[in-house]
């Protein structure tokens, strides 16, 4: 008789989120800690609403179990939701409430006499970096180039936040070495406000902000509006001689939903022409909060849970 086939290895089981707790509460920040009793996650996302009621997102890497949320308002109750990303699934949330303190008492013990100080002082930790100015340039009808300065220190990464034409919050992640990014897929003749945050040791610093008005489409070019002076600055671009045709713009085809369960749905889509750099699925949850699911460029399916 033929030897029995070897059993295939079972895929890794779905991880589980444990408890979320708040500690180290100050007038402007709170430290969140959570447990993962089983499995591992690729990353986490903390969601909450700021003092203006706008949803905020704080990305956290999959190995961390703690993050400090800053730029909060004293004497205000916040609800924090933590989601875990595993594969293309978003699991959770687990939640906790925290009331930010109005006053924070700090007791400092009297220093030891000079003769009792250690001979070798410990090295000072790196100082907190600072964001400088944020400016907008190279404005077209559908894109804006943002540039910023960091006069002191270094950041681990940056995040640009703005609202699209439908009023939905958008997030553009930027690596810590960059000082410029181009935000595209904008709508002509529309004013946008861009906020830039810097991430440093799990702290989110900022924002610095700037406004920009996208250009107006014209027959032979486009016209932009200066955000500083609110004056029309026409820029006419003559039609160039027809060069070699650039790569054609990719097109999205159809989006279909399948494998629908009480708590999840699988989405599939087609790209009949060209290639995209990445995809983003957006929807609103049961509480009416906007949710974002990033998808890599090679994929044509994702499960939203």
C-alpha atoms as a PDB file:
ATOM      1  CA  UNK A   1       0.000   0.000   0.000  1.00  0.00           C
ATOM      2  CA  UNK A   2       1.112   3.594  -0.716  1.00  0.00           C
ATOM      3  CA  UNK A   3       2.534   5.460   2.301  1.00  0.00           C
ATOM      4  CA  UNK A   4       0.072   7.886   3.919  1.00  0.00           C
ATOM      5  CA  UNK A   5       0.410  11.492   2.810  1.00  0.00           C
ATOM      6  CA  UNK A   6       1.991  13.883   5.287  1.00  0.00           C
ATOM      7  CA  UNK A   7      -0.497  16.131   7.011  1.00  0.00           C
ATOM      8  CA  UNK A   8      -0.267  19.793   6.040  1.00  0.00           C
ATOM      9  CA  UNK A   9       0.781  22.224   8.733  1.00  0.00           C
ATOM     10  CA  UNK A  10      -2.145  24.095  10.229  1.00  0.00           C
ATOM     11  CA  UNK A  11      -2.149  27.847   9.496  1.00  0.00           C
ATOM     12  CA  UNK A  12      -1.471  30.138  12.455  1.00  0.00           C
ATOM     13  CA  UNK A  13      -4.592  30.633  14.570  1.00  0.00           C
ATOM     14  CA  UNK A  14      -6.279  34.038  14.731  1.00  0.00           C
ATOM     15  CA  UNK A  15      -4.804  36.224  17.517  1.00  0.00           C
ATOM     16  CA  UNK A  16      -6.924  37.739  20.278  1.00  0.00           C
ATOM     17  CA  UNK A  17      -6.909  41.111  21.995  1.00  0.00           C
ATOM     18  CA  UNK A  18      -7.041  41.164  25.800  1.00  0.00           C
ATOM     19  CA  UNK A  19      -7.550  44.240  28.000  1.00  0.00           C
ATOM     20  CA  UNK A  20      -6.899  47.946  27.306  1.00  0.00           C
ATOM     21  CA  UNK A  21      -6.004  50.203  30.265  1.00  0.00           C
ATOM     22  CA  UNK A  22      -5.115  53.891  30.666  1.00  0.00           C
ATOM     23  CA  UNK A  23      -2.396  55.162  33.029  1.00  0.00           C
ATOM     24  CA  UNK A  24       0.095  58.022  33.521  1.00  0.00           C
ATOM     25  CA  UNK A  25      -2.670  60.559  32.814  1.00  0.00           C
ATOM     26  CA  UNK A  26      -1.497  64.189  32.587  1.00  0.00           C
ATOM     27  CA  UNK A  27      -3.371  67.376  31.564  1.00  0.00           C
ATOM     28  CA  UNK A  28      -2.463  66.742  27.896  1.00  0.00           C
ATOM     29  CA  UNK A  29      -1.645  63.038  27.481  1.00  0.00           C
ATOM     30  CA  UNK A  30      -2.527  59.492  28.472  1.00  0.00           C
ATOM     31  CA  UNK A  31      -0.587  56.242  28.265  1.00  0.00           C
ATOM     32  CA  UNK A  32      -2.455  53.220  26.900  1.00  0.00           C
ATOM     33  CA  UNK A  33      -1.408  49.601  27.548  1.00  0.00           C
ATOM     34  CA  UNK A  34      -2.939  46.391  26.251  1.00  0.00           C
ATOM     35  CA  UNK A  35      -2.463  42.646  26.325  1.00  0.00           C
ATOM     36  CA  UNK A  36      -2.479  40.012  23.577  1.00  0.00           C
ATOM     37  CA  UNK A  37      -3.212  36.702  25.332  1.00  0.00           C
ATOM     38  CA  UNK A  38      -2.934  34.622  22.153  1.00  0.00           C
ATOM     39  CA  UNK A  39      -1.153  34.965  18.782  1.00  0.00           C
ATOM     40  CA  UNK A  40       0.597  37.956  17.206  1.00  0.00           C
ATOM     41  CA  UNK A  41      -0.638  40.980  15.267  1.00  0.00           C
ATOM     42  CA  UNK A  42       1.014  42.765  12.326  1.00  0.00           C
ATOM     43  CA  UNK A  43       0.168  46.195  13.758  1.00  0.00           C
ATOM     44  CA  UNK A  44      -2.333  48.108  15.890  1.00  0.00           C
ATOM     45  CA  UNK A  45      -4.395  51.285  15.491  1.00  0.00           C
ATOM     46  CA  UNK A  46      -5.686  53.534  18.292  1.00  0.00           C
ATOM     47  CA  UNK A  47      -8.761  55.578  17.409  1.00  0.00           C
ATOM     48  CA  UNK A  48     -10.365  58.435  19.366  1.00  0.00           C
ATOM     49  CA  UNK A  49     -12.063  61.789  18.820  1.00  0.00           C
ATOM     50  CA  UNK A  50     -10.268  65.063  19.558  1.00  0.00           C
ATOM     51  CA  UNK A  51     -11.747  68.104  21.309  1.00  0.00           C
ATOM     52  CA  UNK A  52     -13.381  69.214  18.040  1.00  0.00           C
ATOM     53  CA  UNK A  53     -15.028  65.810  17.587  1.00  0.00           C
ATOM     54  CA  UNK A  54     -12.738  64.856  14.689  1.00  0.00           C
ATOM     55  CA  UNK A  55     -11.589  61.198  14.543  1.00  0.00           C
ATOM     56  CA  UNK A  56      -7.863  60.675  15.081  1.00  0.00           C
ATOM     57  CA  UNK A  57      -5.728  57.626  14.246  1.00  0.00           C
ATOM     58  CA  UNK A  58      -2.487  56.596  15.970  1.00  0.00           C
ATOM     59  CA  UNK A  59      -0.641  53.708  14.224  1.00  0.00           C
ATOM     60  CA  UNK A  60       1.412  51.351  16.429  1.00  0.00           C
ATOM     61  CA  UNK A  61       3.769  48.541  15.363  1.00  0.00           C
ATOM     62  CA  UNK A  62       2.841  44.927  16.073  1.00  0.00           C
ATOM     63  CA  UNK A  63       5.488  44.362  18.771  1.00  0.00           C
ATOM     64  CA  UNK A  64       4.394  47.255  20.982  1.00  0.00           C
ATOM     65  CA  UNK A  65       1.985  46.914  23.886  1.00  0.00           C
ATOM     66  CA  UNK A  66       1.993  50.582  24.902  1.00  0.00           C
ATOM     67  CA  UNK A  67       1.582  54.027  23.309  1.00  0.00           C
ATOM     68  CA  UNK A  68       1.301  57.599  24.616  1.00  0.00           C
ATOM     69  CA  UNK A  69      -1.455  59.741  23.098  1.00  0.00           C
ATOM     70  CA  UNK A  70      -0.661  63.447  23.450  1.00  0.00           C
ATOM     71  CA  UNK A  71      -2.101  66.847  22.442  1.00  0.00           C
ATOM     72  CA  UNK A  72      -5.222  66.204  24.547  1.00  0.00           C
ATOM     73  CA  UNK A  73      -7.400  68.784  26.314  1.00  0.00           C
ATOM     74  CA  UNK A  74      -7.641  68.973  30.147  1.00  0.00           C
ATOM     75  CA  UNK A  75     -10.885  68.109  31.967  1.00  0.00           C
ATOM     76  CA  UNK A  76     -12.249  66.116  29.027  1.00  0.00           C
ATOM     77  CA  UNK A  77     -13.386  62.492  28.800  1.00  0.00           C
ATOM     78  CA  UNK A  78     -11.915  60.486  25.931  1.00  0.00           C
ATOM     79  CA  UNK A  79     -12.892  57.041  24.687  1.00  0.00           C
ATOM     80  CA  UNK A  80     -10.033  55.074  23.110  1.00  0.00           C
ATOM     81  CA  UNK A  81     -10.590  52.098  20.765  1.00  0.00           C
ATOM     82  CA  UNK A  82      -7.743  49.719  19.916  1.00  0.00           C
ATOM     83  CA  UNK A  83      -7.831  47.533  16.788  1.00  0.00           C
ATOM     84  CA  UNK A  84      -5.384  44.800  15.791  1.00  0.00           C
ATOM     85  CA  UNK A  85      -4.422  44.153  12.151  1.00  0.00           C
ATOM     86  CA  UNK A  86      -3.738  40.514  11.248  1.00  0.00           C
ATOM     87  CA  UNK A  87      -3.192  39.737   7.590  1.00  0.00           C
ATOM     88  CA  UNK A  88      -5.885  41.804   5.899  1.00  0.00           C
ATOM     89  CA  UNK A  89      -8.292  41.491   8.835  1.00  0.00           C
ATOM     90  CA  UNK A  90      -8.979  44.168  11.413  1.00  0.00           C
ATOM     91  CA  UNK A  91      -9.864  42.631  14.792  1.00  0.00           C
ATOM     92  CA  UNK A  92     -11.413  44.348  17.783  1.00  0.00           C
ATOM     93  CA  UNK A  93     -11.924  46.860  19.143  1.00  0.00           C
ATOM     94  CA  UNK A  94     -11.124  46.788  22.829  1.00  0.00           C
ATOM     95  CA  UNK A  95     -11.942  50.080  24.562  1.00  0.00           C
ATOM     96  CA  UNK A  96     -11.262  52.195  27.626  1.00  0.00           C
ATOM     97  CA  UNK A  97     -12.275  55.658  28.865  1.00  0.00           C
ATOM     98  CA  UNK A  98      -9.976  58.252  30.424  1.00  0.00           C
ATOM     99  CA  UNK A  99     -10.647  61.675  31.945  1.00  0.00           C
ATOM    100  CA  UNK A 100      -7.744  64.059  31.391  1.00  0.00           C
ATOM    101  CA  UNK A 101      -6.611  65.844  34.550  1.00  0.00           C
ATOM    102  CA  UNK A 102      -7.145  69.555  35.093  1.00  0.00           C
ATOM    103  CA  UNK A 103      -4.072  69.890  37.345  1.00  0.00           C
ATOM    104  CA  UNK A 104      -1.098  67.590  37.722  1.00  0.00           C
ATOM    105  CA  UNK A 105       0.884  67.649  40.983  1.00  0.00           C
ATOM    106  CA  UNK A 106       4.562  66.799  40.726  1.00  0.00           C
ATOM    107  CA  UNK A 107       6.567  66.129  43.898  1.00  0.00           C
ATOM    108  CA  UNK A 108      10.321  66.553  43.554  1.00  0.00           C
ATOM    109  CA  UNK A 109      12.522  65.183  46.321  1.00  0.00           C
ATOM    110  CA  UNK A 110      15.304  67.401  47.631  1.00  0.00           C
ATOM    111  CA  UNK A 111      18.576  66.588  45.854  1.00  0.00           C
ATOM    112  CA  UNK A 112      21.299  64.798  47.724  1.00  0.00           C
ATOM    113  CA  UNK A 113      24.227  66.873  49.010  1.00  0.00           C
ATOM    114  CA  UNK A 114      26.929  67.460  46.380  1.00  0.00           C
ATOM    115  CA  UNK A 115      29.365  65.081  48.024  1.00  0.00           C
ATOM    116  CA  UNK A 116      26.904  62.205  47.658  1.00  0.00           C
ATOM    117  CA  UNK A 117      26.381  62.665  43.895  1.00  0.00           C
ATOM    118  CA  UNK A 118      27.684  59.966  41.651  1.00  0.00           C
ATOM    119  CA  UNK A 119      31.029  60.787  40.120  1.00  0.00           C
ATOM    120  CA  UNK A 120      29.913  59.747  36.649  1.00  0.00           C
ATOM    121  CA  UNK A 121      26.675  61.341  35.592  1.00  0.00           C
ATOM    122  CA  UNK A 122      24.383  59.380  33.326  1.00  0.00           C
ATOM    123  CA  UNK A 123      24.147  60.491  29.731  1.00  0.00           C
ATOM    124  CA  UNK A 124      21.188  62.742  29.049  1.00  0.00           C
ATOM    125  CA  UNK A 125      18.509  61.179  26.853  1.00  0.00           C
ATOM    126  CA  UNK A 126      18.000  62.725  23.404  1.00  0.00           C
ATOM    127  CA  UNK A 127      15.909  65.884  23.588  1.00  0.00           C
ATOM    128  CA  UNK A 128      12.420  66.017  22.127  1.00  0.00           C
ATOM    129  CA  UNK A 129      12.488  67.097  18.462  1.00  0.00           C
ATOM    130  CA  UNK A 130      10.558  70.104  17.167  1.00  0.00           C
ATOM    131  CA  UNK A 131       8.551  70.727  14.018  1.00  0.00           C
ATOM    132  CA  UNK A 132       9.231  73.953  12.125  1.00  0.00           C
ATOM    133  CA  UNK A 133       7.154  75.345   9.248  1.00  0.00           C
ATOM    134  CA  UNK A 134       4.836  73.595   6.777  1.00  0.00           C
ATOM    135  CA  UNK A 135       4.451  75.101   3.288  1.00  0.00           C
ATOM    136  CA  UNK A 136       2.513  74.155   0.149  1.00  0.00           C
ATOM    137  CA  UNK A 137       3.919  74.481  -3.382  1.00  0.00           C
ATOM    138  CA  UNK A 138       3.656  73.010  -6.896  1.00  0.00           C
ATOM    139  CA  UNK A 139      -0.136  73.260  -6.659  1.00  0.00           C
ATOM    140  CA  UNK A 140      -2.129  71.722  -9.546  1.00  0.00           C
ATOM    141  CA  UNK A 141      -5.859  71.043  -9.920  1.00  0.00           C
ATOM    142  CA  UNK A 142      -5.445  67.593  -8.341  1.00  0.00           C
ATOM    143  CA  UNK A 143      -2.300  67.679  -6.192  1.00  0.00           C
ATOM    144  CA  UNK A 144      -0.268  69.709  -3.681  1.00  0.00           C
ATOM    145  CA  UNK A 145       3.367  69.326  -2.662  1.00  0.00           C
ATOM    146  CA  UNK A 146       4.010  69.818   1.057  1.00  0.00           C
ATOM    147  CA  UNK A 147       7.409  70.681   2.543  1.00  0.00           C
ATOM    148  CA  UNK A 148       8.385  71.077   6.192  1.00  0.00           C
ATOM    149  CA  UNK A 149      11.375  71.771   8.394  1.00  0.00           C
ATOM    150  CA  UNK A 150      12.682  70.109  11.558  1.00  0.00           C
ATOM    151  CA  UNK A 151      14.891  72.712  13.270  1.00  0.00           C
ATOM    152  CA  UNK A 152      15.852  70.417  16.140  1.00  0.00           C
ATOM    153  CA  UNK A 153      16.125  66.642  16.662  1.00  0.00           C
ATOM    154  CA  UNK A 154      14.898  63.742  14.524  1.00  0.00           C
ATOM    155  CA  UNK A 155      11.508  62.035  14.166  1.00  0.00           C
ATOM    156  CA  UNK A 156      10.769  58.348  13.605  1.00  0.00           C
ATOM    157  CA  UNK A 157       8.052  59.136  11.040  1.00  0.00           C
ATOM    158  CA  UNK A 158       5.480  61.740  10.012  1.00  0.00           C
ATOM    159  CA  UNK A 159       1.760  61.720   9.247  1.00  0.00           C
ATOM    160  CA  UNK A 160      -0.158  64.154   7.028  1.00  0.00           C
ATOM    161  CA  UNK A 161      -3.883  64.454   7.761  1.00  0.00           C
ATOM    162  CA  UNK A 162      -6.562  66.256   5.767  1.00  0.00           C
ATOM    163  CA  UNK A 163     -10.200  65.893   4.717  1.00  0.00           C
ATOM    164  CA  UNK A 164     -11.180  64.877   1.185  1.00  0.00           C
ATOM    165  CA  UNK A 165     -13.968  66.431  -0.913  1.00  0.00           C
ATOM    166  CA  UNK A 166     -16.524  64.265   0.909  1.00  0.00           C
ATOM    167  CA  UNK A 167     -15.309  65.469   4.314  1.00  0.00           C
ATOM    168  CA  UNK A 168     -13.707  62.106   5.150  1.00  0.00           C
ATOM    169  CA  UNK A 169     -10.371  62.196   7.048  1.00  0.00           C
ATOM    170  CA  UNK A 170      -7.359  60.967   5.068  1.00  0.00           C
ATOM    171  CA  UNK A 171      -3.957  59.917   6.401  1.00  0.00           C
ATOM    172  CA  UNK A 172      -0.673  59.957   4.437  1.00  0.00           C
ATOM    173  CA  UNK A 173       2.242  58.235   6.243  1.00  0.00           C
ATOM    174  CA  UNK A 174       5.769  59.583   5.573  1.00  0.00           C
ATOM    175  CA  UNK A 175       9.126  58.155   6.695  1.00  0.00           C
ATOM    176  CA  UNK A 176      11.249  60.052   9.210  1.00  0.00           C
ATOM    177  CA  UNK A 177      13.980  61.060   6.715  1.00  0.00           C
ATOM    178  CA  UNK A 178      11.639  62.845   4.284  1.00  0.00           C
ATOM    179  CA  UNK A 179      10.848  66.546   4.336  1.00  0.00           C
ATOM    180  CA  UNK A 180       8.438  66.605   1.391  1.00  0.00           C
ATOM    181  CA  UNK A 181       5.424  64.656   0.128  1.00  0.00           C
ATOM    182  CA  UNK A 182       2.942  65.114  -2.723  1.00  0.00           C
ATOM    183  CA  UNK A 183      -0.741  64.683  -1.860  1.00  0.00           C
ATOM    184  CA  UNK A 184      -2.713  63.708  -4.976  1.00  0.00           C
ATOM    185  CA  UNK A 185      -6.265  62.746  -5.998  1.00  0.00           C
ATOM    186  CA  UNK A 186      -7.551  66.153  -4.887  1.00  0.00           C
ATOM    187  CA  UNK A 187     -10.472  68.118  -6.365  1.00  0.00           C
ATOM    188  CA  UNK A 188      -9.901  71.311  -8.437  1.00  0.00           C
ATOM    189  CA  UNK A 189     -10.739  74.748  -7.003  1.00  0.00           C
ATOM    190  CA  UNK A 190     -11.087  73.465  -3.421  1.00  0.00           C
ATOM    191  CA  UNK A 191      -9.501  74.701  -0.184  1.00  0.00           C
ATOM    192  CA  UNK A 192      -7.722  72.027   1.863  1.00  0.00           C
ATOM    193  CA  UNK A 193      -6.191  72.265   5.331  1.00  0.00           C
ATOM    194  CA  UNK A 194      -3.207  69.963   5.892  1.00  0.00           C
ATOM    195  CA  UNK A 195      -1.947  68.977   9.360  1.00  0.00           C
ATOM    196  CA  UNK A 196       1.494  67.401   9.816  1.00  0.00           C
ATOM    197  CA  UNK A 197       2.344  65.339  12.922  1.00  0.00           C
ATOM    198  CA  UNK A 198       5.724  63.920  13.916  1.00  0.00           C
ATOM    199  CA  UNK A 199       6.090  60.533  15.651  1.00  0.00           C
ATOM    200  CA  UNK A 200       8.885  60.273  18.230  1.00  0.00           C
ATOM    201  CA  UNK A 201       9.239  57.400  20.712  1.00  0.00           C
ATOM    202  CA  UNK A 202       5.522  56.539  20.442  1.00  0.00           C
ATOM    203  CA  UNK A 203       4.613  60.196  21.017  1.00  0.00           C
ATOM    204  CA  UNK A 204       2.718  62.197  18.421  1.00  0.00           C
ATOM    205  CA  UNK A 205       3.969  65.808  18.290  1.00  0.00           C
ATOM    206  CA  UNK A 206       2.365  68.717  16.470  1.00  0.00           C
ATOM    207  CA  UNK A 207       0.541  69.517  14.381  1.00  0.00           C
ATOM    208  CA  UNK A 208       1.888  72.217  12.111  1.00  0.00           C
ATOM    209  CA  UNK A 209      -0.644  73.297   9.502  1.00  0.00           C
ATOM    210  CA  UNK A 210      -1.056  75.024   6.165  1.00  0.00           C
ATOM    211  CA  UNK A 211      -3.919  75.759   3.773  1.00  0.00           C
ATOM    212  CA  UNK A 212      -3.859  75.310   0.006  1.00  0.00           C
ATOM    213  CA  UNK A 213      -6.407  75.883  -2.749  1.00  0.00           C
ATOM    214  CA  UNK A 214      -6.105  73.500  -5.684  1.00  0.00           C
ATOM    215  CA  UNK A 215      -5.854  74.991  -9.172  1.00  0.00           C
ATOM    216  CA  UNK A 216      -8.784  75.654 -11.484  1.00  0.00           C
ATOM    217  CA  UNK A 217      -8.891  73.726 -14.746  1.00  0.00           C
ATOM    218  CA  UNK A 218      -8.380  75.864 -17.883  1.00  0.00           C
ATOM    219  CA  UNK A 219      -8.322  75.101 -21.599  1.00  0.00           C
ATOM    220  CA  UNK A 220      -4.542  75.427 -21.919  1.00  0.00           C
ATOM    221  CA  UNK A 221      -3.388  74.813 -18.395  1.00  0.00           C
ATOM    222  CA  UNK A 222      -4.621  75.511 -14.911  1.00  0.00           C
ATOM    223  CA  UNK A 223      -5.027  78.365 -12.446  1.00  0.00           C
ATOM    224  CA  UNK A 224      -4.130  78.187  -8.744  1.00  0.00           C
ATOM    225  CA  UNK A 225      -5.150  80.360  -5.803  1.00  0.00           C
ATOM    226  CA  UNK A 226      -2.464  81.513  -3.381  1.00  0.00           C
ATOM    227  CA  UNK A 227      -3.530  80.462   0.154  1.00  0.00           C
ATOM    228  CA  UNK A 228      -1.594  83.369   1.691  1.00  0.00           C
ATOM    229  CA  UNK A 229      -2.996  86.263  -0.391  1.00  0.00           C
ATOM    230  CA  UNK A 230      -6.246  84.710  -1.678  1.00  0.00           C
ATOM    231  CA  UNK A 231      -5.507  86.127  -5.152  1.00  0.00           C
ATOM    232  CA  UNK A 232      -5.876  84.257  -8.417  1.00  0.00           C
ATOM    233  CA  UNK A 233      -2.491  83.475  -9.902  1.00  0.00           C
ATOM    234  CA  UNK A 234      -3.033  82.245 -13.472  1.00  0.00           C
ATOM    235  CA  UNK A 235      -0.428  79.944 -14.906  1.00  0.00           C
ATOM    236  CA  UNK A 236      -0.947  79.254 -18.631  1.00  0.00           C
ATOM    237  CA  UNK A 237       0.918  76.259 -19.962  1.00  0.00           C
ATOM    238  CA  UNK A 238       1.035  76.036 -23.776  1.00  0.00           C
ATOM    239  CA  UNK A 239       0.278  72.666 -25.275  1.00  0.00           C
ATOM    240  CA  UNK A 240       3.639  70.923 -25.813  1.00  0.00           C
ATOM    241  CA  UNK A 241       4.592  69.014 -28.915  1.00  0.00           C
ATOM    242  CA  UNK A 242       3.262  65.468 -28.653  1.00  0.00           C
ATOM    243  CA  UNK A 243       6.087  63.452 -27.016  1.00  0.00           C
ATOM    244  CA  UNK A 244       6.196  59.719 -26.603  1.00  0.00           C
ATOM    245  CA  UNK A 245       2.979  58.691 -24.923  1.00  0.00           C
ATOM    246  CA  UNK A 246       3.410  58.269 -21.131  1.00  0.00           C
ATOM    247  CA  UNK A 247       2.047  55.190 -19.392  1.00  0.00           C
ATOM    248  CA  UNK A 248      -1.734  55.238 -19.537  1.00  0.00           C
ATOM    249  CA  UNK A 249      -3.625  56.103 -16.378  1.00  0.00           C
ATOM    250  CA  UNK A 250      -4.871  52.938 -14.611  1.00  0.00           C
ATOM    251  CA  UNK A 251      -8.596  52.353 -14.283  1.00  0.00           C
ATOM    252  CA  UNK A 252     -10.682  50.655 -11.626  1.00  0.00           C
ATOM    253  CA  UNK A 253     -13.230  48.131 -12.822  1.00  0.00           C
ATOM    254  CA  UNK A 254     -15.935  46.514 -10.720  1.00  0.00           C
ATOM    255  CA  UNK A 255     -16.193  45.999  -6.950  1.00  0.00           C
ATOM    256  CA  UNK A 256     -18.072  42.947  -5.680  1.00  0.00           C
ATOM    257  CA  UNK A 257     -18.995  41.657  -2.230  1.00  0.00           C
ATOM    258  CA  UNK A 258     -19.061  37.922  -1.410  1.00  0.00           C
ATOM    259  CA  UNK A 259     -18.630  35.450   1.469  1.00  0.00           C
ATOM    260  CA  UNK A 260     -20.905  37.622   3.607  1.00  0.00           C
ATOM    261  CA  UNK A 261     -21.220  36.540   7.259  1.00  0.00           C
ATOM    262  CA  UNK A 262     -22.861  38.256  10.252  1.00  0.00           C
ATOM    263  CA  UNK A 263     -19.558  40.012  11.070  1.00  0.00           C
ATOM    264  CA  UNK A 264     -17.505  40.158   7.840  1.00  0.00           C
ATOM    265  CA  UNK A 265     -17.621  40.598   4.080  1.00  0.00           C
ATOM    266  CA  UNK A 266     -15.096  39.797   1.370  1.00  0.00           C
ATOM    267  CA  UNK A 267     -14.506  42.459  -1.283  1.00  0.00           C
ATOM    268  CA  UNK A 268     -13.103  41.734  -4.748  1.00  0.00           C
ATOM    269  CA  UNK A 269     -12.287  44.181  -7.526  1.00  0.00           C
ATOM    270  CA  UNK A 270     -10.839  44.322 -11.021  1.00  0.00           C
ATOM    271  CA  UNK A 271      -8.262  46.582 -12.660  1.00  0.00           C
ATOM    272  CA  UNK A 272      -8.907  46.354 -16.416  1.00  0.00           C
ATOM    273  CA  UNK A 273      -6.041  48.664 -17.337  1.00  0.00           C
ATOM    274  CA  UNK A 274      -2.710  49.734 -15.795  1.00  0.00           C
ATOM    275  CA  UNK A 275      -1.382  49.258 -12.269  1.00  0.00           C
ATOM    276  CA  UNK A 276      -1.961  51.115  -8.979  1.00  0.00           C
ATOM    277  CA  UNK A 277       0.576  51.759  -6.222  1.00  0.00           C
ATOM    278  CA  UNK A 278      -1.900  50.668  -3.528  1.00  0.00           C
ATOM    279  CA  UNK A 279      -5.592  50.578  -2.655  1.00  0.00           C
ATOM    280  CA  UNK A 280      -7.690  51.893   0.249  1.00  0.00           C
ATOM    281  CA  UNK A 281     -11.105  50.640   1.361  1.00  0.00           C
ATOM    282  CA  UNK A 282     -13.190  53.189   3.279  1.00  0.00           C
ATOM    283  CA  UNK A 283     -16.459  52.647   5.119  1.00  0.00           C
ATOM    284  CA  UNK A 284     -18.317  53.767   8.242  1.00  0.00           C
ATOM    285  CA  UNK A 285     -18.731  51.437  11.238  1.00  0.00           C
ATOM    286  CA  UNK A 286     -21.860  50.891  13.320  1.00  0.00           C
ATOM    287  CA  UNK A 287     -21.126  54.090  15.280  1.00  0.00           C
ATOM    288  CA  UNK A 288     -20.848  56.122  12.086  1.00  0.00           C
ATOM    289  CA  UNK A 289     -17.073  56.506  12.419  1.00  0.00           C
ATOM    290  CA  UNK A 290     -14.997  56.420   9.184  1.00  0.00           C
ATOM    291  CA  UNK A 291     -12.711  53.392   8.912  1.00  0.00           C
ATOM    292  CA  UNK A 292      -9.744  52.868   6.561  1.00  0.00           C
ATOM    293  CA  UNK A 293      -8.335  49.501   5.396  1.00  0.00           C
ATOM    294  CA  UNK A 294      -5.048  49.740   3.393  1.00  0.00           C
ATOM    295  CA  UNK A 295      -4.406  47.085   0.696  1.00  0.00           C
ATOM    296  CA  UNK A 296      -1.185  46.417  -1.251  1.00  0.00           C
ATOM    297  CA  UNK A 297      -0.977  46.939  -5.024  1.00  0.00           C
ATOM    298  CA  UNK A 298      -0.892  43.241  -5.919  1.00  0.00           C
ATOM    299  CA  UNK A 299      -4.107  42.325  -4.110  1.00  0.00           C
ATOM    300  CA  UNK A 300      -7.560  42.174  -5.636  1.00  0.00           C
ATOM    301  CA  UNK A 301      -9.426  40.971  -2.554  1.00  0.00           C
ATOM    302  CA  UNK A 302      -9.695  41.862   1.134  1.00  0.00           C
ATOM    303  CA  UNK A 303     -11.900  40.745   4.021  1.00  0.00           C
ATOM    304  CA  UNK A 304     -13.449  43.489   6.169  1.00  0.00           C
ATOM    305  CA  UNK A 305     -14.409  42.212   9.621  1.00  0.00           C
END
